[in-house]
Amino acid sequence: MLILGIILFGMLIGAGAQLILGRSGGGIDWTLAIVAGLVGSFVGGLLISLLAGDGVDLRASGIIGSLVGALIVTAGWRWYAGRSTTA
């Protein structure tokens, strides 16, 4: 049940990152949302939570870090996808 909750949280954070950056193509890319959410949550959320001294508890710093991490992953994915199609 915990794994399902982590995947759902990652998917929501990834979808939020796509909404903040603007959707290209009209809809949310759910594959990108899951990947960006999970990677961003792991890297950004864990890093910010540990730097803030909150540990691995679910706190606002971890959620903000997760969103920032997902924004970076989504922006990087879009940059790489745009670069490879134009070359």
Protein backbone atom coordinates (compact mmCIF):
# COMPACT_ATOMS: atom_id res chain seq x y z
CA MET A 1 0.00 0.00 0.00
CA LEU A 2 2.93 2.32 0.72
CA ILE A 3 4.36 1.76 -2.78
CA LEU A 4 1.00 2.67 -4.34
CA GLY A 5 0.87 5.84 -2.22
CA ILE A 6 4.41 6.81 -3.27
CA ILE A 7 3.57 6.29 -6.96
CA LEU A 8 0.35 8.30 -6.62
CA PHE A 9 2.16 11.12 -4.79
CA GLY A 10 4.88 11.15 -7.46
CA MET A 11 2.29 11.22 -10.23
CA LEU A 12 0.49 14.18 -8.66
CA ILE A 13 3.74 16.09 -8.12
CA GLY A 14 4.83 15.35 -11.72
CA ALA A 15 1.47 16.46 -13.10
CA GLY A 16 1.72 19.64 -11.03
CA ALA A 17 5.16 20.31 -12.48
CA GLN A 18 3.78 19.95 -16.01
CA LEU A 19 0.93 22.33 -15.19
CA ILE A 20 3.35 24.91 -13.80
CA LEU A 21 5.67 24.69 -16.81
CA GLY A 22 2.77 24.65 -19.26
CA ARG A 23 1.46 21.67 -21.15
CA SER A 24 2.78 21.08 -24.62
CA GLY A 25 0.35 19.18 -26.79
CA GLY A 26 -2.74 19.94 -24.72
CA GLY A 27 -2.66 17.10 -22.18
CA ILE A 28 -0.59 15.75 -19.35
CA ASP A 29 1.99 13.13 -20.27
CA TRP A 30 1.35 10.66 -17.44
CA THR A 31 4.51 8.67 -18.11
CA LEU A 32 6.57 11.81 -17.72
CA ALA A 33 4.49 12.77 -14.68
CA ILE A 34 5.26 9.49 -12.92
CA VAL A 35 8.97 9.52 -13.79
CA ALA A 36 9.48 13.21 -13.00
CA GLY A 37 7.45 12.95 -9.81
CA LEU A 38 9.30 9.91 -8.49
CA VAL A 39 12.78 11.10 -9.45
CA GLY A 40 12.06 14.66 -8.35
CA SER A 41 10.56 13.50 -5.07
CA PHE A 42 13.46 11.22 -4.35
CA VAL A 43 16.22 13.67 -5.18
CA GLY A 44 14.65 17.04 -4.42
CA GLY A 45 12.37 16.02 -1.58
CA LEU A 46 14.94 13.94 0.23
CA LEU A 47 17.71 16.51 -0.21
CA ILE A 48 15.63 19.48 0.95
CA SER A 49 14.13 17.54 3.87
CA LEU A 50 17.54 16.47 5.10
CA LEU A 51 19.03 19.96 4.65
CA ALA A 52 16.11 21.50 6.54
CA GLY A 53 16.62 19.04 9.38
CA ASP A 54 13.18 17.44 9.03
CA GLY A 55 14.53 13.95 8.37
CA VAL A 56 12.40 11.74 6.18
CA ASP A 57 9.06 12.81 7.67
CA LEU A 58 6.40 14.25 5.38
CA ARG A 59 6.75 18.00 5.87
CA ALA A 60 6.25 21.11 3.77
CA SER A 61 9.96 21.30 2.97
CA GLY A 62 9.87 17.82 1.46
CA ILE A 63 6.80 18.60 -0.64
CA ILE A 64 8.35 21.83 -1.92
CA GLY A 65 11.60 20.00 -2.64
CA SER A 66 9.68 17.30 -4.49
CA LEU A 67 7.96 19.88 -6.65
CA VAL A 68 11.22 21.70 -7.39
CA GLY A 69 12.90 18.40 -8.26
CA ALA A 70 10.01 17.44 -10.55
CA LEU A 71 10.16 20.86 -12.22
CA ILE A 72 13.87 20.38 -12.94
CA VAL A 73 13.34 16.85 -14.29
CA THR A 74 10.38 17.94 -16.46
CA ALA A 75 12.24 20.97 -17.83
CA GLY A 76 15.29 18.81 -18.56
CA TRP A 77 13.16 16.17 -20.27
CA ARG A 78 11.49 18.78 -22.48
CA TRP A 79 14.83 20.41 -23.30
CA TYR A 80 16.33 17.08 -24.28
CA ALA A 81 13.26 16.04 -26.30
CA GLY A 82 13.23 19.39 -28.14
CA ARG A 83 16.95 19.19 -28.80
CA SER A 84 16.84 15.67 -30.23
CA THR A 85 13.96 16.40 -32.63
CA THR A 86 15.53 19.53 -34.11
CA ALA A 87 18.99 18.01 -34.68
